Amino acid sequence: MTTGKIVLVTVLAGAISIGIAIFGQQWLDEGQGMVLPLPLQRDAAGDDRLDRLPEFRLPDIGGQETASSSWAGRVLVLNFWATWCPPCLRELPLLDELQQAHSDGKLQVVGIAIDSKDDVERFLTDNPVGFPILIGDTDAIEMSRRLGNRMQGLPYTVIFDRLGKRVHGQIGEMTRSSLSEHLDPLVTRSDGAQTTGN
């Protein structure tokens, strides 16, 4: 193959990749406000969707395993993301802000990176967050599917109440208003009493 053909094939492959990425992003953005029907339950055909926080253990970037049971009794925001995903990176500061606003321990944000440990470590060195980041694997991808991420897109965020019940799932970037809409009632409920507005 001549140098000209190699360059042409490379340029075409790049253009196709960019086109797919743009189309995929627009497609995911259209689903931003999507709320999956709840509760998710097994149907007569044995559907394997989960309506509760499953038991799992995943390592952080230091290799220390964390069990999902360590967040028992807290409202949980579980965010599946990757360093190569622009909407994921845009929403990380919002999730970090959310965690800082709830430093009382009633709410926990947890990131599950569907990415290589090295890429995640490099990213977090320049962009630290104040919540746990775990390294996902193929089992984590399957878990996100069973939690409602049927298209296996990123970012994917799942919110659980303090009893571990799945109350919301969203493919695509979360907004401040969407987080507030779903979390405020849960955090207020976990206080045991109504709180005055912030």
N, C-alpha and C. Protein backbone atom coordinates (compact mmCIF):
# COMPACT_ATOMS: atom_id res chain seq x y z
N MET A 1 0.85 -1.18 0.00
CA MET A 1 0.00 0.00 0.00
C MET A 1 0.90 1.24 0.00
N THR A 2 0.57 2.20 -0.79
CA THR A 2 1.38 3.42 -0.88
C THR A 2 1.11 4.33 0.30
N THR A 3 2.01 5.27 0.52
CA THR A 3 1.87 6.22 1.62
C THR A 3 0.59 7.03 1.47
N GLY A 4 0.26 7.42 0.25
CA GLY A 4 -0.96 8.19 0.00
C GLY A 4 -2.21 7.42 0.40
N LYS A 5 -2.24 6.12 0.08
CA LYS A 5 -3.41 5.31 0.45
C LYS A 5 -3.51 5.15 1.95
N ILE A 6 -2.37 4.99 2.61
CA ILE A 6 -2.38 4.84 4.07
C ILE A 6 -2.93 6.11 4.72
N VAL A 7 -2.47 7.27 4.24
CA VAL A 7 -2.95 8.54 4.77
C VAL A 7 -4.45 8.68 4.53
N LEU A 8 -4.91 8.34 3.31
CA LEU A 8 -6.32 8.43 2.98
C LEU A 8 -7.17 7.54 3.88
N VAL A 9 -6.74 6.29 4.08
CA VAL A 9 -7.48 5.35 4.93
C VAL A 9 -7.51 5.87 6.37
N THR A 10 -6.38 6.42 6.84
CA THR A 10 -6.33 6.95 8.21
C THR A 10 -7.27 8.14 8.38
N VAL A 11 -7.29 9.04 7.42
CA VAL A 11 -8.17 10.20 7.47
C VAL A 11 -9.64 9.76 7.44
N LEU A 12 -9.97 8.82 6.57
CA LEU A 12 -11.36 8.32 6.50
C LEU A 12 -11.77 7.66 7.80
N ALA A 13 -10.89 6.85 8.37
CA ALA A 13 -11.20 6.17 9.63
C ALA A 13 -11.43 7.20 10.73
N GLY A 14 -10.59 8.24 10.76
CA GLY A 14 -10.75 9.30 11.76
C GLY A 14 -12.06 10.04 11.59
N ALA A 15 -12.42 10.35 10.35
CA ALA A 15 -13.67 11.07 10.08
C ALA A 15 -14.88 10.24 10.49
N ILE A 16 -14.82 8.94 10.20
CA ILE A 16 -15.93 8.05 10.59
C ILE A 16 -16.03 7.99 12.11
N SER A 17 -14.90 7.88 12.80
CA SER A 17 -14.90 7.84 14.27
C SER A 17 -15.49 9.10 14.87
N ILE A 18 -15.11 10.26 14.32
CA ILE A 18 -15.63 11.53 14.82
C ILE A 18 -17.14 11.61 14.57
N GLY A 19 -17.57 11.17 13.40
CA GLY A 19 -19.01 11.18 13.09
C GLY A 19 -19.80 10.30 14.05
N ILE A 20 -19.27 9.12 14.34
CA ILE A 20 -19.94 8.21 15.27
C ILE A 20 -19.99 8.84 16.66
N ALA A 21 -18.88 9.47 17.09
CA ALA A 21 -18.84 10.10 18.41
C ALA A 21 -19.86 11.23 18.51
N ILE A 22 -19.95 12.06 17.47
CA ILE A 22 -20.91 13.18 17.49
C ILE A 22 -22.33 12.66 17.50
N PHE A 23 -22.63 11.68 16.64
CA PHE A 23 -23.98 11.10 16.60
C PHE A 23 -24.31 10.46 17.95
N GLY A 24 -23.35 9.71 18.50
CA GLY A 24 -23.58 9.04 19.78
C GLY A 24 -23.84 10.03 20.89
N GLN A 25 -23.09 11.16 20.92
CA GLN A 25 -23.29 12.17 21.94
C GLN A 25 -24.66 12.81 21.81
N GLN A 26 -25.08 13.12 20.58
CA GLN A 26 -26.40 13.72 20.38
C GLN A 26 -27.48 12.74 20.81
N TRP A 27 -27.27 11.48 20.51
CA TRP A 27 -28.24 10.45 20.88
C TRP A 27 -28.35 10.34 22.39
N LEU A 28 -27.20 10.35 23.10
CA LEU A 28 -27.22 10.27 24.55
C LEU A 28 -27.83 11.53 25.16
N ASP A 29 -27.49 12.71 24.58
CA ASP A 29 -28.03 13.96 25.10
C ASP A 29 -29.55 13.99 25.02
N GLU A 30 -30.12 13.34 23.97
CA GLU A 30 -31.58 13.31 23.85
C GLU A 30 -32.20 12.55 25.00
N GLY A 31 -31.46 11.59 25.58
CA GLY A 31 -31.98 10.80 26.69
C GLY A 31 -31.66 11.38 28.05
N GLN A 32 -31.10 12.61 28.10
CA GLN A 32 -30.67 13.18 29.37
C GLN A 32 -31.76 13.22 30.41
N GLY A 33 -32.96 13.58 30.04
CA GLY A 33 -34.02 13.70 31.02
C GLY A 33 -34.78 12.40 31.26
N MET A 34 -34.31 11.31 30.65
CA MET A 34 -35.02 10.06 30.72
C MET A 34 -35.03 9.51 32.15
N VAL A 35 -36.18 9.12 32.62
CA VAL A 35 -36.32 8.46 33.90
C VAL A 35 -36.83 7.06 33.61
N LEU A 36 -36.08 6.07 34.05
CA LEU A 36 -36.47 4.69 33.80
C LEU A 36 -37.61 4.30 34.73
N PRO A 37 -38.56 3.49 34.27
CA PRO A 37 -39.70 3.12 35.11
C PRO A 37 -39.26 2.35 36.36
N LEU A 38 -39.86 2.67 37.49
CA LEU A 38 -39.53 2.01 38.74
C LEU A 38 -40.81 1.55 39.42
N PRO A 39 -40.79 0.58 40.29
CA PRO A 39 -39.61 -0.17 40.64
C PRO A 39 -39.29 -1.21 39.56
N LEU A 40 -38.01 -1.52 39.43
CA LEU A 40 -37.60 -2.58 38.52
C LEU A 40 -37.70 -3.89 39.29
N GLN A 41 -38.44 -4.82 38.74
CA GLN A 41 -38.63 -6.10 39.43
C GLN A 41 -38.45 -7.22 38.42
N ARG A 42 -38.15 -8.40 38.94
CA ARG A 42 -38.07 -9.56 38.07
C ARG A 42 -39.46 -9.87 37.53
N ASP A 43 -39.53 -10.13 36.24
CA ASP A 43 -40.83 -10.49 35.69
C ASP A 43 -40.93 -12.01 35.59
N ALA A 44 -42.05 -12.49 35.09
CA ALA A 44 -42.27 -13.94 35.02
C ALA A 44 -41.23 -14.62 34.14
N ALA A 45 -40.65 -13.90 33.19
CA ALA A 45 -39.65 -14.48 32.30
C ALA A 45 -38.26 -14.51 32.94
N GLY A 46 -38.12 -14.04 34.20
CA GLY A 46 -36.84 -14.08 34.89
C GLY A 46 -35.92 -12.92 34.54
N ASP A 47 -36.50 -11.76 34.24
CA ASP A 47 -35.70 -10.57 33.95
C ASP A 47 -34.70 -10.35 35.09
N ASP A 48 -33.46 -10.03 34.74
CA ASP A 48 -32.41 -9.92 35.76
C ASP A 48 -32.13 -8.49 36.19
N ARG A 49 -33.04 -7.56 35.94
CA ARG A 49 -32.84 -6.18 36.36
C ARG A 49 -32.86 -6.06 37.88
N LEU A 50 -32.07 -5.13 38.39
CA LEU A 50 -31.95 -4.94 39.84
C LEU A 50 -32.74 -3.72 40.29
N ASP A 51 -33.43 -3.84 41.41
CA ASP A 51 -34.12 -2.67 41.97
C ASP A 51 -33.51 -2.28 43.32
N ARG A 52 -32.41 -2.95 43.71
CA ARG A 52 -31.72 -2.65 44.96
C ARG A 52 -30.22 -2.59 44.68
N LEU A 53 -29.49 -1.92 45.57
CA LEU A 53 -28.04 -1.87 45.45
C LEU A 53 -27.48 -3.27 45.62
N PRO A 54 -26.78 -3.79 44.62
CA PRO A 54 -26.24 -5.14 44.75
C PRO A 54 -24.98 -5.17 45.62
N GLU A 55 -24.68 -6.33 46.14
CA GLU A 55 -23.42 -6.53 46.86
C GLU A 55 -22.31 -6.63 45.83
N PHE A 56 -21.28 -5.80 45.97
CA PHE A 56 -20.12 -5.90 45.09
C PHE A 56 -18.90 -5.36 45.80
N ARG A 57 -17.74 -5.71 45.29
CA ARG A 57 -16.45 -5.22 45.78
C ARG A 57 -15.63 -4.82 44.58
N LEU A 58 -15.11 -3.58 44.60
CA LEU A 58 -14.26 -3.10 43.53
C LEU A 58 -13.05 -2.38 44.12
N PRO A 59 -11.91 -2.41 43.42
CA PRO A 59 -10.72 -1.72 43.94
C PRO A 59 -10.72 -0.24 43.60
N ASP A 60 -10.07 0.55 44.47
CA ASP A 60 -9.82 1.95 44.13
C ASP A 60 -8.49 2.02 43.38
N ILE A 61 -8.00 3.22 43.07
CA ILE A 61 -6.77 3.30 42.28
C ILE A 61 -5.55 2.84 43.07
N GLY A 62 -5.67 2.76 44.39
CA GLY A 62 -4.58 2.23 45.21
C GLY A 62 -4.64 0.72 45.36
N GLY A 63 -5.68 0.09 44.78
CA GLY A 63 -5.81 -1.36 44.88
C GLY A 63 -6.61 -1.83 46.08
N GLN A 64 -7.04 -0.91 46.93
CA GLN A 64 -7.83 -1.26 48.12
C GLN A 64 -9.27 -1.55 47.71
N GLU A 65 -9.77 -2.74 48.06
CA GLU A 65 -11.15 -3.10 47.69
C GLU A 65 -12.15 -2.43 48.62
N THR A 66 -13.25 -1.98 48.04
CA THR A 66 -14.34 -1.38 48.80
C THR A 66 -15.61 -2.17 48.52
N ALA A 67 -16.34 -2.49 49.57
CA ALA A 67 -17.60 -3.23 49.42
C ALA A 67 -18.76 -2.25 49.40
N SER A 68 -19.78 -2.56 48.62
CA SER A 68 -20.96 -1.69 48.55
C SER A 68 -21.66 -1.58 49.90
N SER A 69 -21.48 -2.56 50.76
CA SER A 69 -22.12 -2.52 52.09
C SER A 69 -21.56 -1.39 52.96
N SER A 70 -20.40 -0.84 52.59
CA SER A 70 -19.80 0.23 53.39
C SER A 70 -20.61 1.53 53.32
N TRP A 71 -21.57 1.62 52.40
CA TRP A 71 -22.40 2.82 52.29
C TRP A 71 -23.81 2.60 52.83
N ALA A 72 -24.00 1.51 53.56
CA ALA A 72 -25.32 1.19 54.11
C ALA A 72 -25.82 2.34 54.98
N GLY A 73 -27.11 2.65 54.83
CA GLY A 73 -27.73 3.70 55.63
C GLY A 73 -27.58 5.09 55.06
N ARG A 74 -26.92 5.22 53.90
CA ARG A 74 -26.75 6.54 53.28
C ARG A 74 -27.48 6.57 51.94
N VAL A 75 -27.91 7.75 51.56
CA VAL A 75 -28.38 7.96 50.19
C VAL A 75 -27.13 7.83 49.32
N LEU A 76 -27.22 7.08 48.22
CA LEU A 76 -26.05 6.79 47.40
C LEU A 76 -26.26 7.24 45.96
N VAL A 77 -25.26 7.95 45.43
CA VAL A 77 -25.23 8.34 44.01
C VAL A 77 -24.08 7.56 43.40
N LEU A 78 -24.42 6.59 42.57
CA LEU A 78 -23.42 5.73 41.92
C LEU A 78 -23.28 6.20 40.47
N ASN A 79 -22.08 6.64 40.11
CA ASN A 79 -21.84 7.23 38.79
C ASN A 79 -20.82 6.41 38.01
N PHE A 80 -21.26 5.84 36.88
CA PHE A 80 -20.38 5.10 35.98
C PHE A 80 -19.83 6.10 34.96
N TRP A 81 -18.50 6.15 34.80
CA TRP A 81 -17.88 7.16 33.96
C TRP A 81 -16.57 6.63 33.38
N ALA A 82 -15.93 7.45 32.53
CA ALA A 82 -14.62 7.11 31.97
C ALA A 82 -13.89 8.39 31.60
N THR A 83 -12.56 8.33 31.58
CA THR A 83 -11.76 9.51 31.26
C THR A 83 -11.90 9.93 29.81
N TRP A 84 -12.31 9.02 28.92
CA TRP A 84 -12.44 9.33 27.50
C TRP A 84 -13.84 9.84 27.14
N CYS A 85 -14.67 10.06 28.15
CA CYS A 85 -16.07 10.45 27.94
C CYS A 85 -16.27 11.91 28.33
N PRO A 86 -16.38 12.85 27.35
CA PRO A 86 -16.51 14.27 27.68
C PRO A 86 -17.67 14.62 28.62
N PRO A 87 -18.90 14.08 28.43
CA PRO A 87 -19.96 14.44 29.38
C PRO A 87 -19.68 13.93 30.80
N CYS A 88 -18.95 12.81 30.89
CA CYS A 88 -18.57 12.29 32.21
C CYS A 88 -17.69 13.29 32.93
N LEU A 89 -16.72 13.83 32.19
CA LEU A 89 -15.76 14.76 32.79
C LEU A 89 -16.43 16.08 33.15
N ARG A 90 -17.44 16.48 32.36
CA ARG A 90 -18.15 17.72 32.67
C ARG A 90 -18.95 17.60 33.96
N GLU A 91 -19.49 16.41 34.25
CA GLU A 91 -20.35 16.29 35.43
C GLU A 91 -19.57 15.95 36.70
N LEU A 92 -18.31 15.53 36.61
CA LEU A 92 -17.54 15.19 37.81
C LEU A 92 -17.44 16.36 38.80
N PRO A 93 -17.17 17.61 38.36
CA PRO A 93 -17.13 18.70 39.33
C PRO A 93 -18.46 18.91 40.05
N LEU A 94 -19.57 18.71 39.36
CA LEU A 94 -20.89 18.83 39.99
C LEU A 94 -21.08 17.75 41.06
N LEU A 95 -20.64 16.52 40.75
CA LEU A 95 -20.75 15.44 41.73
C LEU A 95 -19.83 15.69 42.92
N ASP A 96 -18.66 16.26 42.66
CA ASP A 96 -17.74 16.59 43.74
C ASP A 96 -18.35 17.67 44.64
N GLU A 97 -18.96 18.66 44.03
CA GLU A 97 -19.64 19.73 44.78
C GLU A 97 -20.77 19.14 45.62
N LEU A 98 -21.51 18.19 45.05
CA LEU A 98 -22.60 17.53 45.76
C LEU A 98 -22.07 16.82 46.99
N GLN A 99 -20.96 16.09 46.84
CA GLN A 99 -20.39 15.37 47.97
C GLN A 99 -19.94 16.34 49.06
N GLN A 100 -19.30 17.44 48.67
CA GLN A 100 -18.85 18.42 49.65
C GLN A 100 -20.02 19.06 50.40
N ALA A 101 -21.13 19.27 49.70
CA ALA A 101 -22.31 19.87 50.32
C ALA A 101 -22.96 18.94 51.34
N HIS A 102 -22.66 17.65 51.23
CA HIS A 102 -23.25 16.65 52.13
C HIS A 102 -22.15 15.94 52.92
N SER A 103 -21.28 16.72 53.51
CA SER A 103 -20.17 16.14 54.27
C SER A 103 -20.62 15.55 55.61
N ASP A 104 -21.93 15.66 55.91
CA ASP A 104 -22.46 15.12 57.16
C ASP A 104 -22.59 13.60 57.13
N GLY A 105 -22.31 12.97 56.00
CA GLY A 105 -22.34 11.51 55.92
C GLY A 105 -23.69 10.92 55.56
N LYS A 106 -24.70 11.74 55.29
CA LYS A 106 -26.02 11.21 54.95
C LYS A 106 -26.12 10.83 53.48
N LEU A 107 -25.19 11.37 52.68
CA LEU A 107 -25.20 11.09 51.24
C LEU A 107 -23.78 10.73 50.82
N GLN A 108 -23.67 9.74 49.94
CA GLN A 108 -22.35 9.34 49.43
C GLN A 108 -22.38 9.27 47.92
N VAL A 109 -21.42 9.95 47.29
CA VAL A 109 -21.20 9.83 45.85
C VAL A 109 -20.07 8.84 45.66
N VAL A 110 -20.24 7.93 44.70
CA VAL A 110 -19.19 6.96 44.37
C VAL A 110 -19.07 6.90 42.86
N GLY A 111 -17.86 7.04 42.35
CA GLY A 111 -17.61 6.91 40.93
C GLY A 111 -17.07 5.53 40.61
N ILE A 112 -17.59 4.93 39.55
CA ILE A 112 -17.04 3.66 39.06
C ILE A 112 -16.51 3.94 37.67
N ALA A 113 -15.19 3.96 37.55
CA ALA A 113 -14.54 4.28 36.28
C ALA A 113 -14.45 3.02 35.42
N ILE A 114 -15.05 3.09 34.25
CA ILE A 114 -14.96 2.00 33.28
C ILE A 114 -13.78 2.36 32.37
N ASP A 115 -12.60 2.13 32.91
CA ASP A 115 -11.38 2.67 32.30
C ASP A 115 -10.18 1.95 32.89
N SER A 116 -9.00 2.24 32.37
CA SER A 116 -7.79 1.63 32.93
C SER A 116 -7.38 2.38 34.19
N LYS A 117 -6.80 1.65 35.13
CA LYS A 117 -6.35 2.24 36.39
C LYS A 117 -5.37 3.38 36.12
N ASP A 118 -4.45 3.19 35.19
CA ASP A 118 -3.44 4.22 34.89
C ASP A 118 -4.07 5.50 34.36
N ASP A 119 -5.04 5.37 33.45
CA ASP A 119 -5.71 6.56 32.90
C ASP A 119 -6.48 7.31 33.98
N VAL A 120 -7.15 6.55 34.85
CA VAL A 120 -7.92 7.17 35.93
C VAL A 120 -6.98 7.87 36.90
N GLU A 121 -5.89 7.22 37.25
CA GLU A 121 -4.92 7.80 38.18
C GLU A 121 -4.33 9.10 37.62
N ARG A 122 -3.98 9.09 36.33
CA ARG A 122 -3.44 10.30 35.70
C ARG A 122 -4.47 11.42 35.72
N PHE A 123 -5.72 11.09 35.39
CA PHE A 123 -6.78 12.10 35.38
C PHE A 123 -6.99 12.69 36.77
N LEU A 124 -7.07 11.83 37.79
CA LEU A 124 -7.36 12.30 39.15
C LEU A 124 -6.19 13.09 39.75
N THR A 125 -4.99 12.87 39.25
CA THR A 125 -3.84 13.65 39.72
C THR A 125 -4.07 15.13 39.39
N ASP A 126 -4.57 15.41 38.20
CA ASP A 126 -4.83 16.79 37.77
C ASP A 126 -6.22 17.29 38.16
N ASN A 127 -7.16 16.36 38.41
CA ASN A 127 -8.55 16.72 38.68
C ASN A 127 -9.08 15.92 39.87
N PRO A 128 -8.56 16.19 41.07
CA PRO A 128 -8.97 15.38 42.22
C PRO A 128 -10.44 15.60 42.58
N VAL A 129 -11.05 14.57 43.14
CA VAL A 129 -12.43 14.66 43.63
C VAL A 129 -12.45 14.17 45.07
N GLY A 130 -13.46 14.61 45.81
CA GLY A 130 -13.56 14.27 47.22
C GLY A 130 -14.49 13.10 47.51
N PHE A 131 -14.64 12.21 46.55
CA PHE A 131 -15.45 11.01 46.77
C PHE A 131 -14.70 9.81 46.20
N PRO A 132 -15.05 8.59 46.64
CA PRO A 132 -14.33 7.41 46.20
C PRO A 132 -14.50 7.16 44.70
N ILE A 133 -13.40 6.80 44.06
CA ILE A 133 -13.41 6.36 42.67
C ILE A 133 -12.93 4.91 42.65
N LEU A 134 -13.77 4.04 42.14
CA LEU A 134 -13.44 2.63 42.04
C LEU A 134 -13.20 2.28 40.58
N ILE A 135 -12.41 1.25 40.35
CA ILE A 135 -12.08 0.83 38.99
C ILE A 135 -13.02 -0.32 38.60
N GLY A 136 -13.82 -0.08 37.57
CA GLY A 136 -14.79 -1.07 37.12
C GLY A 136 -14.17 -2.05 36.15
N ASP A 137 -14.83 -3.18 35.99
CA ASP A 137 -14.41 -4.22 35.05
C ASP A 137 -15.65 -4.67 34.28
N THR A 138 -15.56 -5.80 33.60
CA THR A 138 -16.72 -6.26 32.82
C THR A 138 -17.92 -6.56 33.74
N ASP A 139 -17.65 -7.00 34.96
CA ASP A 139 -18.76 -7.24 35.90
C ASP A 139 -19.45 -5.92 36.26
N ALA A 140 -18.68 -4.84 36.36
CA ALA A 140 -19.27 -3.53 36.66
C ALA A 140 -20.13 -3.05 35.50
N ILE A 141 -19.69 -3.31 34.28
CA ILE A 141 -20.49 -2.95 33.10
C ILE A 141 -21.80 -3.72 33.12
N GLU A 142 -21.72 -5.01 33.44
CA GLU A 142 -22.93 -5.83 33.53
C GLU A 142 -23.83 -5.33 34.65
N MET A 143 -23.24 -4.93 35.77
CA MET A 143 -24.04 -4.41 36.88
C MET A 143 -24.78 -3.15 36.45
N SER A 144 -24.11 -2.27 35.69
CA SER A 144 -24.79 -1.04 35.24
C SER A 144 -25.95 -1.39 34.33
N ARG A 145 -25.79 -2.42 33.49
CA ARG A 145 -26.88 -2.85 32.63
C ARG A 145 -28.06 -3.35 33.47
N ARG A 146 -27.76 -4.15 34.48
CA ARG A 146 -28.83 -4.69 35.33
C ARG A 146 -29.49 -3.61 36.17
N LEU A 147 -28.79 -2.49 36.36
CA LEU A 147 -29.37 -1.36 37.10
C LEU A 147 -30.12 -0.40 36.18
N GLY A 148 -30.29 -0.76 34.91
CA GLY A 148 -31.10 0.04 34.01
C GLY A 148 -30.38 0.65 32.82
N ASN A 149 -29.06 0.50 32.74
CA ASN A 149 -28.29 1.07 31.64
C ASN A 149 -28.33 0.10 30.45
N ARG A 150 -29.49 -0.02 29.86
CA ARG A 150 -29.71 -1.01 28.81
C ARG A 150 -28.84 -0.78 27.58
N MET A 151 -28.50 0.48 27.29
CA MET A 151 -27.66 0.79 26.14
C MET A 151 -26.18 0.81 26.49
N GLN A 152 -25.87 0.63 27.78
CA GLN A 152 -24.51 0.62 28.29
C GLN A 152 -23.74 1.86 27.87
N GLY A 153 -24.41 3.02 27.95
CA GLY A 153 -23.79 4.30 27.64
C GLY A 153 -23.18 4.92 28.88
N LEU A 154 -22.30 5.88 28.67
CA LEU A 154 -21.68 6.63 29.76
C LEU A 154 -21.88 8.11 29.50
N PRO A 155 -22.01 8.90 30.55
CA PRO A 155 -22.11 8.49 31.95
C PRO A 155 -23.48 7.86 32.24
N TYR A 156 -23.49 7.07 33.30
CA TYR A 156 -24.74 6.49 33.78
C TYR A 156 -24.75 6.67 35.29
N THR A 157 -25.82 7.26 35.80
CA THR A 157 -25.92 7.55 37.23
C THR A 157 -27.15 6.87 37.81
N VAL A 158 -26.96 6.23 38.96
CA VAL A 158 -28.06 5.56 39.66
C VAL A 158 -28.11 6.13 41.08
N ILE A 159 -29.32 6.44 41.53
CA ILE A 159 -29.52 6.97 42.88
C ILE A 159 -30.29 5.93 43.69
N PHE A 160 -29.79 5.68 44.90
CA PHE A 160 -30.41 4.73 45.83
C PHE A 160 -30.79 5.47 47.11
N ASP A 161 -31.91 5.07 47.70
CA ASP A 161 -32.28 5.66 48.99
C ASP A 161 -31.44 5.02 50.09
N ARG A 162 -31.65 5.45 51.33
CA ARG A 162 -30.79 4.98 52.42
C ARG A 162 -31.01 3.50 52.75
N LEU A 163 -32.09 2.91 52.23
CA LEU A 163 -32.33 1.48 52.42
C LEU A 163 -31.80 0.65 51.26
N GLY A 164 -31.17 1.32 50.30
CA GLY A 164 -30.58 0.61 49.16
C GLY A 164 -31.52 0.39 48.01
N LYS A 165 -32.70 1.02 48.02
CA LYS A 165 -33.64 0.88 46.92
C LYS A 165 -33.29 1.83 45.79
N ARG A 166 -33.26 1.32 44.57
CA ARG A 166 -32.97 2.13 43.40
C ARG A 166 -34.17 3.03 43.13
N VAL A 167 -33.95 4.35 43.11
CA VAL A 167 -35.05 5.28 42.90
C VAL A 167 -34.95 6.08 41.61
N HIS A 168 -33.76 6.10 40.98
CA HIS A 168 -33.61 6.84 39.73
C HIS A 168 -32.38 6.35 38.99
N GLY A 169 -32.49 6.29 37.67
CA GLY A 169 -31.35 5.96 36.83
C GLY A 169 -31.37 6.87 35.61
N GLN A 170 -30.20 7.35 35.20
CA GLN A 170 -30.15 8.27 34.06
C GLN A 170 -28.91 8.03 33.21
N ILE A 171 -29.13 7.84 31.92
CA ILE A 171 -28.05 7.80 30.96
C ILE A 171 -27.80 9.24 30.52
N GLY A 172 -26.55 9.65 30.47
CA GLY A 172 -26.21 11.00 30.06
C GLY A 172 -25.89 11.87 31.25
N GLU A 173 -25.45 13.05 30.95
CA GLU A 173 -24.97 14.00 31.95
C GLU A 173 -26.09 14.45 32.89
N MET A 174 -25.82 14.39 34.19
CA MET A 174 -26.76 14.88 35.19
C MET A 174 -26.65 16.40 35.28
N THR A 175 -27.75 17.05 35.60
CA THR A 175 -27.74 18.49 35.83
C THR A 175 -27.96 18.74 37.32
N ARG A 176 -27.64 19.94 37.75
CA ARG A 176 -27.85 20.33 39.15
C ARG A 176 -29.33 20.19 39.53
N SER A 177 -30.23 20.62 38.63
CA SER A 177 -31.66 20.57 38.96
C SER A 177 -32.16 19.13 39.03
N SER A 178 -31.66 18.26 38.15
CA SER A 178 -32.07 16.85 38.18
C SER A 178 -31.59 16.18 39.46
N LEU A 179 -30.35 16.44 39.84
CA LEU A 179 -29.83 15.88 41.10
C LEU A 179 -30.65 16.37 42.28
N SER A 180 -30.94 17.66 42.30
CA SER A 180 -31.71 18.23 43.40
C SER A 180 -33.11 17.63 43.46
N GLU A 181 -33.74 17.50 42.30
CA GLU A 181 -35.10 16.94 42.23
C GLU A 181 -35.17 15.55 42.84
N HIS A 182 -34.17 14.73 42.56
CA HIS A 182 -34.20 13.34 43.03
C HIS A 182 -33.60 13.15 44.41
N LEU A 183 -32.62 14.00 44.78
CA LEU A 183 -31.93 13.80 46.04
C LEU A 183 -32.54 14.55 47.21
N ASP A 184 -33.06 15.74 46.99
CA ASP A 184 -33.58 16.53 48.11
C ASP A 184 -34.61 15.77 48.95
N PRO A 185 -35.61 15.12 48.32
CA PRO A 185 -36.57 14.38 49.15
C PRO A 185 -35.93 13.23 49.91
N LEU A 186 -34.93 12.58 49.31
CA LEU A 186 -34.28 11.44 49.97
C LEU A 186 -33.43 11.89 51.16
N VAL A 187 -32.70 12.98 50.97
CA VAL A 187 -31.85 13.48 52.06
C VAL A 187 -32.72 14.03 53.18
N THR A 188 -33.81 14.73 52.83
CA THR A 188 -34.74 15.24 53.83
C THR A 188 -35.35 14.09 54.62
N ARG A 189 -35.75 13.04 53.90
CA ARG A 189 -36.34 11.87 54.55
C ARG A 189 -35.33 11.21 55.47
N SER A 190 -34.06 11.15 55.06
CA SER A 190 -33.06 10.49 55.90
C SER A 190 -32.72 11.32 57.14
N ASP A 191 -33.09 12.61 57.13
CA ASP A 191 -32.91 13.45 58.32
C ASP A 191 -33.93 13.08 59.40
N GLY A 192 -35.00 12.43 58.98
CA GLY A 192 -36.05 12.06 59.93
C GLY A 192 -37.06 13.17 60.16
N ALA A 193 -36.80 14.34 59.58
CA ALA A 193 -37.73 15.46 59.74
C ALA A 193 -37.53 16.41 58.58
N GLN A 194 -38.51 17.23 58.34
CA GLN A 194 -38.39 18.25 57.31
C GLN A 194 -37.33 19.26 57.73
N THR A 195 -36.53 19.69 56.76
CA THR A 195 -35.54 20.73 57.05
C THR A 195 -35.97 21.99 56.34
N THR A 196 -35.52 23.11 56.83
CA THR A 196 -35.83 24.36 56.16
C THR A 196 -34.93 24.50 54.95
N GLY A 197 -35.43 25.15 53.90
CA GLY A 197 -34.72 25.24 52.65
C GLY A 197 -33.36 25.87 52.75
N ASN A 198 -32.49 25.49 51.78
CA ASN A 198 -31.13 26.03 51.73
C ASN A 198 -31.10 27.22 50.81
